[in-house]
Amino acid sequence: MTNKWDWFGRRHMVLVPLFAVFLCFSFVMVVKTIDNQSPLEFYGLLAGAVICNCLWAGIGQFQIELFPTVVRSSAASLTSLSDPLASVLIPPLIYLQRYWPALPYLFATSAIVVALIAVYFVLPETKGLLVPDTIEDMDRLNMASSTVHSAASAAHWATVGPCCGEDQALLVENMESNVQESEEE
């Protein structure tokens, strides 16, 4: 039985909610600029907070598939550390409202734009790929994803055409041989 969401890439699990939070914060920024006491601010912030929960699910899935087994727990700990760190750094931004009521939301939307760019251009697509077991497997995954825009595109071309699939096919072959070697030991 196939899942109807199999077509949805892992990077999109982060990009779509992140963009939705950007829209919510941009809406709140406009509302605060027009009317500082509008109740619409509450609804925009509530929607952004709800969507952030969806964002964390995508980040969790990404960290499982992106990092090799040997460093996966350390990477998960580092990702989890970002939450309390943000809890310490974000509250002082509220004091920026003294200068302009929408200034804290301008900082938040700026950070979201940087995150959107980083997710789109830096993180490889991991949907449909084998989870890397070693650092070398992760390096090969990064090399394959830099050959074309993402590793998922390489997997697609490996099945569709001869253009770019050699890197992905080599990656899968090397990962399978590493698994066989580890089973023999």
C-alpha atoms as a PDB file:
ATOM      1  CA  MET A   1       0.000   0.000   0.000  1.00  0.00           C
ATOM      2  CA  THR A   2       1.479   3.338  -0.985  1.00  0.00           C
ATOM      3  CA  ASN A   3       1.103   6.544   0.896  1.00  0.00           C
ATOM      4  CA  LYS A   4      -0.608   9.362  -0.999  1.00  0.00           C
ATOM      5  CA  TRP A   5       2.019  11.806   0.321  1.00  0.00           C
ATOM      6  CA  ASP A   6       5.030   9.938  -1.116  1.00  0.00           C
ATOM      7  CA  TRP A   7       5.437  12.578  -3.827  1.00  0.00           C
ATOM      8  CA  PHE A   8       6.041  15.279  -1.203  1.00  0.00           C
ATOM      9  CA  GLY A   9       9.784  15.862  -0.789  1.00  0.00           C
ATOM     10  CA  ARG A  10      11.496  16.168   2.568  1.00  0.00           C
ATOM     11  CA  ARG A  11      12.808  19.627   1.831  1.00  0.00           C
ATOM     12  CA  HIS A  12       9.240  20.720   1.132  1.00  0.00           C
ATOM     13  CA  MET A  13       8.283  19.520   4.631  1.00  0.00           C
ATOM     14  CA  VAL A  14      10.447  22.386   5.885  1.00  0.00           C
ATOM     15  CA  LEU A  15      10.031  24.949   3.086  1.00  0.00           C
ATOM     16  CA  VAL A  16       6.209  25.029   2.982  1.00  0.00           C
ATOM     17  CA  PRO A  17       5.614  25.612   6.729  1.00  0.00           C
ATOM     18  CA  LEU A  18       8.542  28.033   6.880  1.00  0.00           C
ATOM     19  CA  PHE A  19       7.059  30.062   4.042  1.00  0.00           C
ATOM     20  CA  ALA A  20       3.629  29.969   5.741  1.00  0.00           C
ATOM     21  CA  VAL A  21       5.174  31.321   8.962  1.00  0.00           C
ATOM     22  CA  PHE A  22       6.838  34.027   6.867  1.00  0.00           C
ATOM     23  CA  LEU A  23       3.426  34.999   5.477  1.00  0.00           C
ATOM     24  CA  CYS A  24       1.881  35.062   8.965  1.00  0.00           C
ATOM     25  CA  PHE A  25       4.644  37.265  10.370  1.00  0.00           C
ATOM     26  CA  SER A  26       4.536  39.536   7.334  1.00  0.00           C
ATOM     27  CA  PHE A  27       0.773  39.895   7.853  1.00  0.00           C
ATOM     28  CA  VAL A  28       1.328  40.776  11.521  1.00  0.00           C
ATOM     29  CA  MET A  29       4.003  43.287  10.536  1.00  0.00           C
ATOM     30  CA  VAL A  30       1.604  45.027   8.139  1.00  0.00           C
ATOM     31  CA  VAL A  31      -1.203  44.985  10.732  1.00  0.00           C
ATOM     32  CA  LYS A  32       1.104  46.479  13.390  1.00  0.00           C
ATOM     33  CA  THR A  33       2.168  49.199  10.968  1.00  0.00           C
ATOM     34  CA  ILE A  34      -1.417  50.160  10.099  1.00  0.00           C
ATOM     35  CA  ASP A  35      -3.063  49.759  13.502  1.00  0.00           C
ATOM     36  CA  ASN A  36      -0.992  49.038  16.601  1.00  0.00           C
ATOM     37  CA  GLN A  37      -3.996  47.755  18.603  1.00  0.00           C
ATOM     38  CA  SER A  38      -5.692  45.517  16.022  1.00  0.00           C
ATOM     39  CA  PRO A  39      -7.007  42.096  17.158  1.00  0.00           C
ATOM     40  CA  LEU A  40      -5.832  40.672  13.800  1.00  0.00           C
ATOM     41  CA  GLU A  41      -2.321  40.586  15.245  1.00  0.00           C
ATOM     42  CA  PHE A  42      -3.411  37.826  17.636  1.00  0.00           C
ATOM     43  CA  TYR A  43      -4.826  35.664  14.835  1.00  0.00           C
ATOM     44  CA  GLY A  44      -1.718  36.066  12.694  1.00  0.00           C
ATOM     45  CA  LEU A  45       0.545  35.099  15.600  1.00  0.00           C
ATOM     46  CA  LEU A  46      -1.691  32.156  16.518  1.00  0.00           C
ATOM     47  CA  ALA A  47      -1.596  30.836  12.951  1.00  0.00           C
ATOM     48  CA  GLY A  48       2.201  31.249  12.864  1.00  0.00           C
ATOM     49  CA  ALA A  49       2.579  29.361  16.163  1.00  0.00           C
ATOM     50  CA  VAL A  50       0.417  26.467  14.944  1.00  0.00           C
ATOM     51  CA  ILE A  51       2.370  26.221  11.702  1.00  0.00           C
ATOM     52  CA  CYS A  52       5.656  26.180  13.656  1.00  0.00           C
ATOM     53  CA  ASN A  53       4.564  22.827  15.121  1.00  0.00           C
ATOM     54  CA  CYS A  54       4.321  21.448  11.578  1.00  0.00           C
ATOM     55  CA  LEU A  55       7.749  22.886  10.878  1.00  0.00           C
ATOM     56  CA  TRP A  56       9.286  20.965  13.770  1.00  0.00           C
ATOM     57  CA  ALA A  57       7.910  17.698  12.356  1.00  0.00           C
ATOM     58  CA  GLY A  58       9.686  18.404   9.048  1.00  0.00           C
ATOM     59  CA  ILE A  59      12.926  19.290  10.809  1.00  0.00           C
ATOM     60  CA  GLY A  60      12.745  16.073  12.814  1.00  0.00           C
ATOM     61  CA  GLN A  61      12.291  14.005   9.663  1.00  0.00           C
ATOM     62  CA  PHE A  62      15.136  15.837   7.967  1.00  0.00           C
ATOM     63  CA  GLN A  63      17.608  15.278  10.791  1.00  0.00           C
ATOM     64  CA  ILE A  64      16.870  11.548  10.787  1.00  0.00           C
ATOM     65  CA  GLU A  65      17.501  11.171   7.053  1.00  0.00           C
ATOM     66  CA  LEU A  66      20.273  13.716   6.585  1.00  0.00           C
ATOM     67  CA  PHE A  67      22.878  12.706   9.144  1.00  0.00           C
ATOM     68  CA  PRO A  68      24.799   9.415   9.167  1.00  0.00           C
ATOM     69  CA  THR A  69      24.181   6.921  11.941  1.00  0.00           C
ATOM     70  CA  VAL A  70      27.455   7.659  13.750  1.00  0.00           C
ATOM     71  CA  VAL A  71      26.551  11.331  14.392  1.00  0.00           C
ATOM     72  CA  ARG A  72      22.752  11.239  14.239  1.00  0.00           C
ATOM     73  CA  SER A  73      22.213  11.492  18.005  1.00  0.00           C
ATOM     74  CA  SER A  74      24.654  14.418  18.282  1.00  0.00           C
ATOM     75  CA  ALA A  75      22.906  16.191  15.410  1.00  0.00           C
ATOM     76  CA  ALA A  76      19.507  15.604  17.036  1.00  0.00           C
ATOM     77  CA  SER A  77      20.855  17.052  20.300  1.00  0.00           C
ATOM     78  CA  LEU A  78      22.181  20.106  18.501  1.00  0.00           C
ATOM     79  CA  THR A  79      18.826  20.623  16.779  1.00  0.00           C
ATOM     80  CA  SER A  80      17.020  20.273  20.107  1.00  0.00           C
ATOM     81  CA  LEU A  81      19.398  22.807  21.645  1.00  0.00           C
ATOM     82  CA  SER A  82      18.184  25.495  19.234  1.00  0.00           C
ATOM     83  CA  ASP A  83      14.787  25.642  20.965  1.00  0.00           C
ATOM     84  CA  PRO A  84      15.960  26.762  24.444  1.00  0.00           C
ATOM     85  CA  LEU A  85      18.582  28.982  22.852  1.00  0.00           C
ATOM     86  CA  ALA A  86      15.869  30.785  20.894  1.00  0.00           C
ATOM     87  CA  SER A  87      13.778  31.006  24.075  1.00  0.00           C
ATOM     88  CA  VAL A  88      16.587  33.036  25.631  1.00  0.00           C
ATOM     89  CA  LEU A  89      17.367  35.243  22.618  1.00  0.00           C
ATOM     90  CA  ILE A  90      13.857  36.091  21.351  1.00  0.00           C
ATOM     91  CA  PRO A  91      12.126  37.797  24.342  1.00  0.00           C
ATOM     92  CA  PRO A  92      14.399  40.885  24.331  1.00  0.00           C
ATOM     93  CA  LEU A  93      13.215  41.594  20.764  1.00  0.00           C
ATOM     94  CA  ILE A  94       9.876  42.710  22.215  1.00  0.00           C
ATOM     95  CA  TYR A  95      11.603  45.831  23.582  1.00  0.00           C
ATOM     96  CA  LEU A  96      12.259  46.943  20.000  1.00  0.00           C
ATOM     97  CA  GLN A  97       8.563  47.898  19.822  1.00  0.00           C
ATOM     98  CA  ARG A  98       9.533  51.171  21.521  1.00  0.00           C
ATOM     99  CA  TYR A  99      11.145  52.314  18.273  1.00  0.00           C
ATOM    100  CA  TRP A 100       8.605  50.914  15.813  1.00  0.00           C
ATOM    101  CA  PRO A 101       5.722  48.567  16.697  1.00  0.00           C
ATOM    102  CA  ALA A 102       6.487  46.171  13.833  1.00  0.00           C
ATOM    103  CA  LEU A 103      10.279  46.005  14.355  1.00  0.00           C
ATOM    104  CA  PRO A 104      10.325  42.638  16.216  1.00  0.00           C
ATOM    105  CA  TYR A 105       8.364  41.085  13.339  1.00  0.00           C
ATOM    106  CA  LEU A 106      10.761  42.613  10.829  1.00  0.00           C
ATOM    107  CA  PHE A 107      13.621  40.807  12.589  1.00  0.00           C
ATOM    108  CA  ALA A 108      11.611  37.565  12.641  1.00  0.00           C
ATOM    109  CA  THR A 109      10.708  37.761   8.943  1.00  0.00           C
ATOM    110  CA  SER A 110      14.332  38.577   8.085  1.00  0.00           C
ATOM    111  CA  ALA A 111      15.488  35.472   9.965  1.00  0.00           C
ATOM    112  CA  ILE A 112      12.858  33.395   8.167  1.00  0.00           C
ATOM    113  CA  VAL A 113      14.035  34.673   4.769  1.00  0.00           C
ATOM    114  CA  VAL A 114      17.612  33.647   5.640  1.00  0.00           C
ATOM    115  CA  ALA A 115      16.322  30.215   6.733  1.00  0.00           C
ATOM    116  CA  LEU A 116      14.296  29.810   3.520  1.00  0.00           C
ATOM    117  CA  ILE A 117      17.346  30.571   1.400  1.00  0.00           C
ATOM    118  CA  ALA A 118      19.526  28.217   3.456  1.00  0.00           C
ATOM    119  CA  VAL A 119      17.019  25.346   3.285  1.00  0.00           C
ATOM    120  CA  TYR A 120      16.486  25.764  -0.443  1.00  0.00           C
ATOM    121  CA  PHE A 121      20.122  26.083  -1.484  1.00  0.00           C
ATOM    122  CA  VAL A 122      22.061  24.165   1.190  1.00  0.00           C
ATOM    123  CA  LEU A 123      20.006  21.166   2.323  1.00  0.00           C
ATOM    124  CA  PRO A 124      19.843  18.251  -0.119  1.00  0.00           C
ATOM    125  CA  GLU A 125      16.583  16.427  -0.851  1.00  0.00           C
ATOM    126  CA  THR A 126      16.633  13.101   1.018  1.00  0.00           C
ATOM    127  CA  LYS A 127      13.314  11.657  -0.151  1.00  0.00           C
ATOM    128  CA  GLY A 128      13.745   8.198  -1.613  1.00  0.00           C
ATOM    129  CA  LEU A 129      17.443   7.927  -0.731  1.00  0.00           C
ATOM    130  CA  LEU A 130      19.183   5.481   1.555  1.00  0.00           C
ATOM    131  CA  VAL A 131      20.008   6.854   4.988  1.00  0.00           C
ATOM    132  CA  PRO A 132      23.785   7.355   5.175  1.00  0.00           C
ATOM    133  CA  ASP A 133      25.589   5.112   7.673  1.00  0.00           C
ATOM    134  CA  THR A 134      29.051   6.690   7.626  1.00  0.00           C
ATOM    135  CA  ILE A 135      30.557  10.131   7.141  1.00  0.00           C
ATOM    136  CA  GLU A 136      31.835   8.978   3.741  1.00  0.00           C
ATOM    137  CA  ASP A 137      28.284   8.083   2.681  1.00  0.00           C
ATOM    138  CA  MET A 138      27.163  11.558   3.708  1.00  0.00           C
ATOM    139  CA  ASP A 139      29.991  13.109   1.677  1.00  0.00           C
ATOM    140  CA  ARG A 140      28.931  11.086  -1.341  1.00  0.00           C
ATOM    141  CA  LEU A 141      25.332  12.211  -0.817  1.00  0.00           C
ATOM    142  CA  ASN A 142      26.497  15.838  -0.742  1.00  0.00           C
ATOM    143  CA  MET A 143      28.592  15.351  -3.911  1.00  0.00           C
ATOM    144  CA  ALA A 144      25.663  13.745  -5.711  1.00  0.00           C
ATOM    145  CA  SER A 145      23.343  16.536  -4.674  1.00  0.00           C
ATOM    146  CA  SER A 146      25.778  19.224  -5.812  1.00  0.00           C
ATOM    147  CA  THR A 147      25.979  17.678  -9.299  1.00  0.00           C
ATOM    148  CA  VAL A 148      22.324  18.451  -9.864  1.00  0.00           C
ATOM    149  CA  HIS A 149      20.107  20.684  -7.739  1.00  0.00           C
ATOM    150  CA  SER A 150      19.213  17.929  -5.283  1.00  0.00           C
ATOM    151  CA  ALA A 151      19.888  14.278  -4.637  1.00  0.00           C
ATOM    152  CA  ALA A 152      16.245  13.471  -5.375  1.00  0.00           C
ATOM    153  CA  SER A 153      16.694  14.931  -8.848  1.00  0.00           C
ATOM    154  CA  ALA A 154      19.720  12.681  -9.277  1.00  0.00           C
ATOM    155  CA  ALA A 155      17.643   9.668  -8.250  1.00  0.00           C
ATOM    156  CA  HIS A 156      14.991  10.732 -10.736  1.00  0.00           C
ATOM    157  CA  TRP A 157      17.539  11.026 -13.548  1.00  0.00           C
ATOM    158  CA  ALA A 158      19.027   7.658 -12.603  1.00  0.00           C
ATOM    159  CA  THR A 159      15.725   6.040 -13.502  1.00  0.00           C
ATOM    160  CA  VAL A 160      14.662   8.341 -16.348  1.00  0.00           C
ATOM    161  CA  GLY A 161      17.717   9.241 -18.347  1.00  0.00           C
ATOM    162  CA  PRO A 162      21.496   8.998 -18.632  1.00  0.00           C
ATOM    163  CA  CYS A 163      22.148  12.711 -18.006  1.00  0.00           C
ATOM    164  CA  CYS A 164      22.921  12.884 -14.300  1.00  0.00           C
ATOM    165  CA  GLY A 165      22.153   9.481 -12.820  1.00  0.00           C
ATOM    166  CA  GLU A 166      25.692   8.164 -12.644  1.00  0.00           C
ATOM    167  CA  ASP A 167      26.445   9.948  -9.366  1.00  0.00           C
ATOM    168  CA  GLN A 168      23.282   8.690  -7.682  1.00  0.00           C
ATOM    169  CA  ALA A 169      23.759   5.158  -8.994  1.00  0.00           C
ATOM    170  CA  LEU A 170      27.355   5.210  -7.725  1.00  0.00           C
ATOM    171  CA  LEU A 171      26.165   6.483  -4.330  1.00  0.00           C
ATOM    172  CA  VAL A 172      23.597   3.703  -3.987  1.00  0.00           C
ATOM    173  CA  GLU A 173      26.119   1.098  -5.149  1.00  0.00           C
ATOM    174  CA  ASN A 174      28.735   2.293  -2.633  1.00  0.00           C
ATOM    175  CA  MET A 175      26.213   2.369   0.202  1.00  0.00           C
ATOM    176  CA  GLU A 176      25.065  -1.154  -0.608  1.00  0.00           C
ATOM    177  CA  SER A 177      28.661  -2.412  -0.731  1.00  0.00           C
ATOM    178  CA  ASN A 178      29.358  -0.783   2.664  1.00  0.00           C
ATOM    179  CA  VAL A 179      26.354  -2.591   4.118  1.00  0.00           C
ATOM    180  CA  GLN A 180      27.537  -5.906   2.663  1.00  0.00           C
ATOM    181  CA  GLU A 181      31.069  -5.363   3.997  1.00  0.00           C
ATOM    182  CA  SER A 182      29.774  -4.561   7.482  1.00  0.00           C
ATOM    183  CA  GLU A 183      27.577  -7.675   7.443  1.00  0.00           C
ATOM    184  CA  GLU A 184      30.562  -9.844   6.471  1.00  0.00           C
ATOM    185  CA  GLU A 185      32.646  -8.494   9.388  1.00  0.00           C
END
